[in-house]
């Protein structure tokens, strides 16, 4: 809950800030943070997260403000205030939200995966969804596999067979094996579609080495 002191400060801050410039807003917040006593900074950041992530859904401001934070505790508090995730947002904010979730997925820190799980497993799949799972690889293999299982079950092959989604797997045979193990027994049709797409894409691209082609071939057997 926001303190009355912060509420008063934020009201004045908003009056002096351009709503259409998230970078400028984040810069002003960073200046305020540097002027805040060290012992009071965690509470200040928590209240900023509450406003940006829960009240305003200002994910761009949060993303740029995060650049000024170097302590892992602020990633944990970001993850806490980011949930529950909202419905689909306007394009720019949706893009910034994906960036935030991707940063949390890549962080490999305890206590930051709840919004990542919600984004990948529960929230409706949007155009930017596929940019997130690879941030989990290879340190969160189980969630990585579950995310792709969901994607392959919900999205028709015609919508992904020629996309960058398939290309990303071509040089990652271990990821291919993991996804194959996860889906081939209970959802063989999805695995067959992915296997066909992988082999077809491998024939078309010219940048795979012979070793990479052989590794991919073994992975899809």
C-alpha atoms as a PDB file:
ATOM      1  CA  UNK A   1       0.000   0.000   0.000  1.00  0.00           C
ATOM      2  CA  UNK A   2       1.295   3.445  -0.875  1.00  0.00           C
ATOM      3  CA  UNK A   3       2.249   5.719   1.986  1.00  0.00           C
ATOM      4  CA  UNK A   4       0.556   9.110   2.205  1.00  0.00           C
ATOM      5  CA  UNK A   5       3.973  10.729   1.810  1.00  0.00           C
ATOM      6  CA  UNK A   6       4.575   8.868  -1.428  1.00  0.00           C
ATOM      7  CA  UNK A   7       1.063   9.618  -2.704  1.00  0.00           C
ATOM      8  CA  UNK A   8       1.683  13.336  -2.247  1.00  0.00           C
ATOM      9  CA  UNK A   9       5.085  13.129  -3.912  1.00  0.00           C
ATOM     10  CA  UNK A  10       3.721  11.076  -6.827  1.00  0.00           C
ATOM     11  CA  UNK A  11       0.894  13.544  -7.488  1.00  0.00           C
ATOM     12  CA  UNK A  12       3.429  16.316  -7.913  1.00  0.00           C
ATOM     13  CA  UNK A  13       5.725  14.063  -9.926  1.00  0.00           C
ATOM     14  CA  UNK A  14       2.949  13.221 -12.386  1.00  0.00           C
ATOM     15  CA  UNK A  15       2.140  16.888 -12.925  1.00  0.00           C
ATOM     16  CA  UNK A  16       5.758  17.510 -13.938  1.00  0.00           C
ATOM     17  CA  UNK A  17       6.074  14.455 -16.178  1.00  0.00           C
ATOM     18  CA  UNK A  18       5.166  13.893 -19.819  1.00  0.00           C
ATOM     19  CA  UNK A  19       2.832  10.908 -20.043  1.00  0.00           C
ATOM     20  CA  UNK A  20       3.913  10.098 -23.600  1.00  0.00           C
ATOM     21  CA  UNK A  21       7.637   9.693 -22.821  1.00  0.00           C
ATOM     22  CA  UNK A  22       8.335   6.563 -20.729  1.00  0.00           C
ATOM     23  CA  UNK A  23      12.101   7.020 -21.004  1.00  0.00           C
ATOM     24  CA  UNK A  24      11.918  10.552 -19.611  1.00  0.00           C
ATOM     25  CA  UNK A  25       9.648   9.398 -16.782  1.00  0.00           C
ATOM     26  CA  UNK A  26      12.047   6.576 -15.904  1.00  0.00           C
ATOM     27  CA  UNK A  27      14.994   8.976 -15.972  1.00  0.00           C
ATOM     28  CA  UNK A  28      13.242  11.290 -13.512  1.00  0.00           C
ATOM     29  CA  UNK A  29      12.500   8.330 -11.245  1.00  0.00           C
ATOM     30  CA  UNK A  30      16.150   7.329 -11.381  1.00  0.00           C
ATOM     31  CA  UNK A  31      17.196  10.809 -10.306  1.00  0.00           C
ATOM     32  CA  UNK A  32      14.769  10.639  -7.390  1.00  0.00           C
ATOM     33  CA  UNK A  33      16.141   7.214  -6.442  1.00  0.00           C
ATOM     34  CA  UNK A  34      19.723   8.511  -6.326  1.00  0.00           C
ATOM     35  CA  UNK A  35      18.596  11.314  -4.025  1.00  0.00           C
ATOM     36  CA  UNK A  36      16.842   8.885  -1.700  1.00  0.00           C
ATOM     37  CA  UNK A  37      18.710   7.583   1.332  1.00  0.00           C
ATOM     38  CA  UNK A  38      20.072   4.088   0.757  1.00  0.00           C
ATOM     39  CA  UNK A  39      18.033   2.557   3.563  1.00  0.00           C
ATOM     40  CA  UNK A  40      14.823   3.970   2.093  1.00  0.00           C
ATOM     41  CA  UNK A  41      15.421   2.924  -1.509  1.00  0.00           C
ATOM     42  CA  UNK A  42      13.803  -0.554  -1.370  1.00  0.00           C
ATOM     43  CA  UNK A  43      10.551   0.917  -0.050  1.00  0.00           C
ATOM     44  CA  UNK A  44      10.635   3.682  -2.647  1.00  0.00           C
ATOM     45  CA  UNK A  45      11.132   1.173  -5.458  1.00  0.00           C
ATOM     46  CA  UNK A  46       8.322  -1.044  -4.139  1.00  0.00           C
ATOM     47  CA  UNK A  47       5.926   1.884  -4.203  1.00  0.00           C
ATOM     48  CA  UNK A  48       7.067   2.848  -7.702  1.00  0.00           C
ATOM     49  CA  UNK A  49       6.407  -0.738  -8.821  1.00  0.00           C
ATOM     50  CA  UNK A  50       2.933  -0.629  -7.277  1.00  0.00           C
ATOM     51  CA  UNK A  51       2.042   2.483  -9.251  1.00  0.00           C
ATOM     52  CA  UNK A  52       3.669   1.506 -12.530  1.00  0.00           C
ATOM     53  CA  UNK A  53       2.770  -2.187 -12.633  1.00  0.00           C
ATOM     54  CA  UNK A  54      -0.549  -2.431 -10.808  1.00  0.00           C
ATOM     55  CA  UNK A  55      -2.206   0.958 -11.163  1.00  0.00           C
ATOM     56  CA  UNK A  56      -0.969   2.333 -14.484  1.00  0.00           C
ATOM     57  CA  UNK A  57       0.281  -0.748 -16.380  1.00  0.00           C
ATOM     58  CA  UNK A  58       3.176   1.496 -17.459  1.00  0.00           C
ATOM     59  CA  UNK A  59       5.484  -1.328 -18.464  1.00  0.00           C
ATOM     60  CA  UNK A  60       7.724   0.849 -20.610  1.00  0.00           C
ATOM     61  CA  UNK A  61       8.496   3.160 -17.699  1.00  0.00           C
ATOM     62  CA  UNK A  62       9.171   0.119 -15.483  1.00  0.00           C
ATOM     63  CA  UNK A  63      11.497  -1.370 -18.086  1.00  0.00           C
ATOM     64  CA  UNK A  64      13.570   1.800 -18.462  1.00  0.00           C
ATOM     65  CA  UNK A  65      13.601   2.410 -14.697  1.00  0.00           C
ATOM     66  CA  UNK A  66      14.931  -1.113 -14.206  1.00  0.00           C
ATOM     67  CA  UNK A  67      18.098  -0.069 -16.049  1.00  0.00           C
ATOM     68  CA  UNK A  68      19.073   2.021 -13.015  1.00  0.00           C
ATOM     69  CA  UNK A  69      18.621  -0.850 -10.536  1.00  0.00           C
ATOM     70  CA  UNK A  70      21.502  -3.244 -10.000  1.00  0.00           C
ATOM     71  CA  UNK A  71      20.448  -5.236  -6.938  1.00  0.00           C
ATOM     72  CA  UNK A  72      18.696  -8.577  -7.464  1.00  0.00           C
ATOM     73  CA  UNK A  73      16.153  -7.686  -4.780  1.00  0.00           C
ATOM     74  CA  UNK A  74      14.553  -5.247  -7.214  1.00  0.00           C
ATOM     75  CA  UNK A  75      13.985  -8.001  -9.759  1.00  0.00           C
ATOM     76  CA  UNK A  76      12.238 -10.001  -7.051  1.00  0.00           C
ATOM     77  CA  UNK A  77      10.028  -7.082  -6.103  1.00  0.00           C
ATOM     78  CA  UNK A  78       9.324  -6.452  -9.790  1.00  0.00           C
ATOM     79  CA  UNK A  79       8.146 -10.046 -10.128  1.00  0.00           C
ATOM     80  CA  UNK A  80       5.941  -9.661  -7.053  1.00  0.00           C
ATOM     81  CA  UNK A  81       4.207  -6.517  -8.267  1.00  0.00           C
ATOM     82  CA  UNK A  82       3.912  -7.705 -11.850  1.00  0.00           C
ATOM     83  CA  UNK A  83       1.260 -10.298 -10.941  1.00  0.00           C
ATOM     84  CA  UNK A  84      -1.505 -10.790 -11.676  1.00  0.00           C
ATOM     85  CA  UNK A  85      -0.782 -10.138 -15.317  1.00  0.00           C
ATOM     86  CA  UNK A  86      -3.367  -8.034 -17.150  1.00  0.00           C
ATOM     87  CA  UNK A  87      -5.322  -8.862 -20.320  1.00  0.00           C
ATOM     88  CA  UNK A  88      -3.669  -7.915 -23.592  1.00  0.00           C
ATOM     89  CA  UNK A  89      -2.413  -4.342 -23.579  1.00  0.00           C
ATOM     90  CA  UNK A  90      -1.891  -1.756 -26.357  1.00  0.00           C
ATOM     91  CA  UNK A  91       0.987  -2.755 -28.635  1.00  0.00           C
ATOM     92  CA  UNK A  92       3.783  -0.701 -27.051  1.00  0.00           C
ATOM     93  CA  UNK A  93       2.957  -1.713 -23.488  1.00  0.00           C
ATOM     94  CA  UNK A  94       2.474  -5.323 -24.547  1.00  0.00           C
ATOM     95  CA  UNK A  95       5.956  -5.262 -26.070  1.00  0.00           C
ATOM     96  CA  UNK A  96       7.448  -3.789 -22.905  1.00  0.00           C
ATOM     97  CA  UNK A  97       5.627  -6.373 -20.791  1.00  0.00           C
ATOM     98  CA  UNK A  98       7.183  -9.151 -22.871  1.00  0.00           C
ATOM     99  CA  UNK A  99      10.593  -7.542 -22.314  1.00  0.00           C
ATOM    100  CA  UNK A 100      10.069  -7.516 -18.542  1.00  0.00           C
ATOM    101  CA  UNK A 101       8.931 -11.131 -18.469  1.00  0.00           C
ATOM    102  CA  UNK A 102      11.885 -12.133 -20.641  1.00  0.00           C
ATOM    103  CA  UNK A 103      14.307 -10.438 -18.232  1.00  0.00           C
ATOM    104  CA  UNK A 104      12.803 -12.344 -15.324  1.00  0.00           C
ATOM    105  CA  UNK A 105      12.975 -15.602 -17.271  1.00  0.00           C
ATOM    106  CA  UNK A 106      16.659 -15.063 -18.023  1.00  0.00           C
ATOM    107  CA  UNK A 107      17.600 -13.971 -14.509  1.00  0.00           C
ATOM    108  CA  UNK A 108      17.778 -17.499 -13.075  1.00  0.00           C
ATOM    109  CA  UNK A 109      16.927 -16.195  -9.615  1.00  0.00           C
ATOM    110  CA  UNK A 110      14.686 -17.802  -6.977  1.00  0.00           C
ATOM    111  CA  UNK A 111      11.342 -16.129  -6.523  1.00  0.00           C
ATOM    112  CA  UNK A 112      10.937 -14.463  -9.912  1.00  0.00           C
ATOM    113  CA  UNK A 113       9.215 -17.107 -12.027  1.00  0.00           C
ATOM    114  CA  UNK A 114       5.558 -16.603 -11.081  1.00  0.00           C
ATOM    115  CA  UNK A 115       4.868 -13.925 -13.738  1.00  0.00           C
ATOM    116  CA  UNK A 116       6.868 -15.943 -16.268  1.00  0.00           C
ATOM    117  CA  UNK A 117       4.725 -19.007 -15.606  1.00  0.00           C
ATOM    118  CA  UNK A 118       1.527 -16.951 -15.846  1.00  0.00           C
ATOM    119  CA  UNK A 119       2.660 -15.358 -19.105  1.00  0.00           C
ATOM    120  CA  UNK A 120       3.683 -18.632 -20.748  1.00  0.00           C
ATOM    121  CA  UNK A 121       1.131 -21.090 -19.372  1.00  0.00           C
ATOM    122  CA  UNK A 122      -2.039 -19.143 -18.508  1.00  0.00           C
ATOM    123  CA  UNK A 123      -2.255 -15.831 -20.349  1.00  0.00           C
ATOM    124  CA  UNK A 124      -3.616 -15.906 -23.924  1.00  0.00           C
ATOM    125  CA  UNK A 125      -0.848 -16.454 -26.454  1.00  0.00           C
ATOM    126  CA  UNK A 126      -0.114 -13.241 -28.324  1.00  0.00           C
ATOM    127  CA  UNK A 127       2.284 -12.218 -31.097  1.00  0.00           C
ATOM    128  CA  UNK A 128       5.193 -11.679 -28.681  1.00  0.00           C
ATOM    129  CA  UNK A 129       4.737 -14.872 -26.684  1.00  0.00           C
ATOM    130  CA  UNK A 130       7.415 -16.787 -28.577  1.00  0.00           C
ATOM    131  CA  UNK A 131      10.105 -14.260 -27.615  1.00  0.00           C
ATOM    132  CA  UNK A 132       9.983 -15.405 -23.983  1.00  0.00           C
ATOM    133  CA  UNK A 133      10.594 -19.205 -23.713  1.00  0.00           C
ATOM    134  CA  UNK A 134      14.163 -19.138 -25.020  1.00  0.00           C
ATOM    135  CA  UNK A 135      15.139 -16.864 -22.128  1.00  0.00           C
ATOM    136  CA  UNK A 136      14.537 -19.928 -19.919  1.00  0.00           C
ATOM    137  CA  UNK A 137      16.964 -22.151 -21.802  1.00  0.00           C
ATOM    138  CA  UNK A 138      18.805 -24.085 -20.494  1.00  0.00           C
ATOM    139  CA  UNK A 139      18.460 -23.173 -16.793  1.00  0.00           C
ATOM    140  CA  UNK A 140      14.679 -23.772 -16.535  1.00  0.00           C
ATOM    141  CA  UNK A 141      14.190 -26.780 -18.784  1.00  0.00           C
ATOM    142  CA  UNK A 142      10.915 -27.995 -17.298  1.00  0.00           C
ATOM    143  CA  UNK A 143       9.111 -24.674 -17.740  1.00  0.00           C
ATOM    144  CA  UNK A 144      10.693 -24.284 -21.189  1.00  0.00           C
ATOM    145  CA  UNK A 145       9.254 -27.642 -22.254  1.00  0.00           C
ATOM    146  CA  UNK A 146       5.822 -26.987 -20.740  1.00  0.00           C
ATOM    147  CA  UNK A 147       5.644 -23.640 -22.508  1.00  0.00           C
ATOM    148  CA  UNK A 148       6.330 -25.165 -25.910  1.00  0.00           C
ATOM    149  CA  UNK A 149       3.926 -28.007 -25.207  1.00  0.00           C
ATOM    150  CA  UNK A 150       1.204 -25.441 -24.652  1.00  0.00           C
ATOM    151  CA  UNK A 151       2.146 -23.510 -27.776  1.00  0.00           C
ATOM    152  CA  UNK A 152       2.209 -26.567 -30.018  1.00  0.00           C
ATOM    153  CA  UNK A 153      -1.142 -27.744 -28.675  1.00  0.00           C
ATOM    154  CA  UNK A 154      -2.920 -24.396 -29.080  1.00  0.00           C
ATOM    155  CA  UNK A 155      -1.393 -22.929 -32.227  1.00  0.00           C
ATOM    156  CA  UNK A 156      -2.000 -24.620 -35.554  1.00  0.00           C
ATOM    157  CA  UNK A 157       1.080 -25.681 -37.566  1.00  0.00           C
ATOM    158  CA  UNK A 158       0.102 -23.396 -40.448  1.00  0.00           C
ATOM    159  CA  UNK A 159       0.660 -20.479 -38.080  1.00  0.00           C
ATOM    160  CA  UNK A 160       4.176 -21.469 -37.001  1.00  0.00           C
ATOM    161  CA  UNK A 161       5.744 -23.914 -39.413  1.00  0.00           C
ATOM    162  CA  UNK A 162       7.629 -21.278 -41.437  1.00  0.00           C
ATOM    163  CA  UNK A 163       8.198 -18.788 -38.605  1.00  0.00           C
ATOM    164  CA  UNK A 164      11.333 -17.912 -36.676  1.00  0.00           C
ATOM    165  CA  UNK A 165       9.953 -20.212 -33.999  1.00  0.00           C
ATOM    166  CA  UNK A 166      11.154 -23.213 -35.990  1.00  0.00           C
ATOM    167  CA  UNK A 167      14.508 -21.661 -36.920  1.00  0.00           C
ATOM    168  CA  UNK A 168      15.353 -21.100 -33.254  1.00  0.00           C
ATOM    169  CA  UNK A 169      15.363 -24.867 -32.660  1.00  0.00           C
ATOM    170  CA  UNK A 170      17.640 -25.772 -35.565  1.00  0.00           C
ATOM    171  CA  UNK A 171      20.897 -25.247 -33.669  1.00  0.00           C
ATOM    172  CA  UNK A 172      19.609 -26.481 -30.308  1.00  0.00           C
ATOM    173  CA  UNK A 173      19.364 -30.294 -30.558  1.00  0.00           C
ATOM    174  CA  UNK A 174      19.149 -30.683 -26.776  1.00  0.00           C
ATOM    175  CA  UNK A 175      16.074 -28.444 -26.744  1.00  0.00           C
ATOM    176  CA  UNK A 176      14.583 -30.463 -29.589  1.00  0.00           C
ATOM    177  CA  UNK A 177      15.114 -33.686 -27.625  1.00  0.00           C
ATOM    178  CA  UNK A 178      13.513 -32.200 -24.535  1.00  0.00           C
ATOM    179  CA  UNK A 179      10.439 -31.016 -26.422  1.00  0.00           C
ATOM    180  CA  UNK A 180      10.223 -34.363 -28.218  1.00  0.00           C
ATOM    181  CA  UNK A 181      10.322 -36.239 -24.894  1.00  0.00           C
ATOM    182  CA  UNK A 182       7.697 -33.924 -23.419  1.00  0.00           C
ATOM    183  CA  UNK A 183       5.118 -34.161 -26.194  1.00  0.00           C
ATOM    184  CA  UNK A 184       5.739 -37.208 -28.373  1.00  0.00           C
ATOM    185  CA  UNK A 185       4.063 -39.799 -26.146  1.00  0.00           C
ATOM    186  CA  UNK A 186       0.792 -38.012 -25.306  1.00  0.00           C
ATOM    187  CA  UNK A 187       0.637 -35.649 -28.283  1.00  0.00           C
ATOM    188  CA  UNK A 188       2.330 -37.444 -31.176  1.00  0.00           C
ATOM    189  CA  UNK A 189       0.549 -35.357 -33.803  1.00  0.00           C
ATOM    190  CA  UNK A 190       2.081 -32.151 -32.463  1.00  0.00           C
ATOM    191  CA  UNK A 191       5.531 -33.727 -32.413  1.00  0.00           C
ATOM    192  CA  UNK A 192       5.107 -35.001 -35.973  1.00  0.00           C
ATOM    193  CA  UNK A 193       4.178 -31.489 -37.118  1.00  0.00           C
ATOM    194  CA  UNK A 194       7.198 -29.945 -35.389  1.00  0.00           C
ATOM    195  CA  UNK A 195       9.522 -32.653 -36.669  1.00  0.00           C
ATOM    196  CA  UNK A 196       8.324 -32.117 -40.231  1.00  0.00           C
ATOM    197  CA  UNK A 197       8.725 -28.354 -39.895  1.00  0.00           C
ATOM    198  CA  UNK A 198      12.245 -28.705 -38.485  1.00  0.00           C
ATOM    199  CA  UNK A 199      13.419 -31.025 -41.213  1.00  0.00           C
ATOM    200  CA  UNK A 200      11.815 -28.886 -43.902  1.00  0.00           C
ATOM    201  CA  UNK A 201      13.383 -25.705 -42.559  1.00  0.00           C
ATOM    202  CA  UNK A 202      16.785 -27.390 -42.246  1.00  0.00           C
ATOM    203  CA  UNK A 203      16.685 -28.222 -45.952  1.00  0.00           C
ATOM    204  CA  UNK A 204      15.965 -24.610 -46.897  1.00  0.00           C
ATOM    205  CA  UNK A 205      18.506 -22.706 -44.808  1.00  0.00           C
ATOM    206  CA  UNK A 206      22.097 -22.481 -45.915  1.00  0.00           C
ATOM    207  CA  UNK A 207      23.760 -21.498 -42.646  1.00  0.00           C
ATOM    208  CA  UNK A 208      23.658 -24.858 -40.859  1.00  0.00           C
ATOM    209  CA  UNK A 209      26.973 -26.700 -40.752  1.00  0.00           C
ATOM    210  CA  UNK A 210      27.138 -30.403 -41.514  1.00  0.00           C
ATOM    211  CA  UNK A 211      27.676 -31.150 -37.836  1.00  0.00           C
ATOM    212  CA  UNK A 212      24.604 -29.106 -36.948  1.00  0.00           C
ATOM    213  CA  UNK A 213      22.512 -30.912 -39.549  1.00  0.00           C
ATOM    214  CA  UNK A 214      23.654 -34.275 -38.222  1.00  0.00           C
ATOM    215  CA  UNK A 215      22.933 -33.252 -34.625  1.00  0.00           C
ATOM    216  CA  UNK A 216      19.460 -32.098 -35.604  1.00  0.00           C
ATOM    217  CA  UNK A 217      18.840 -35.317 -37.503  1.00  0.00           C
ATOM    218  CA  UNK A 218      19.733 -37.388 -34.459  1.00  0.00           C
ATOM    219  CA  UNK A 219      17.582 -35.209 -32.203  1.00  0.00           C
ATOM    220  CA  UNK A 220      14.394 -35.739 -34.214  1.00  0.00           C
ATOM    221  CA  UNK A 221      14.731 -39.514 -34.539  1.00  0.00           C
END
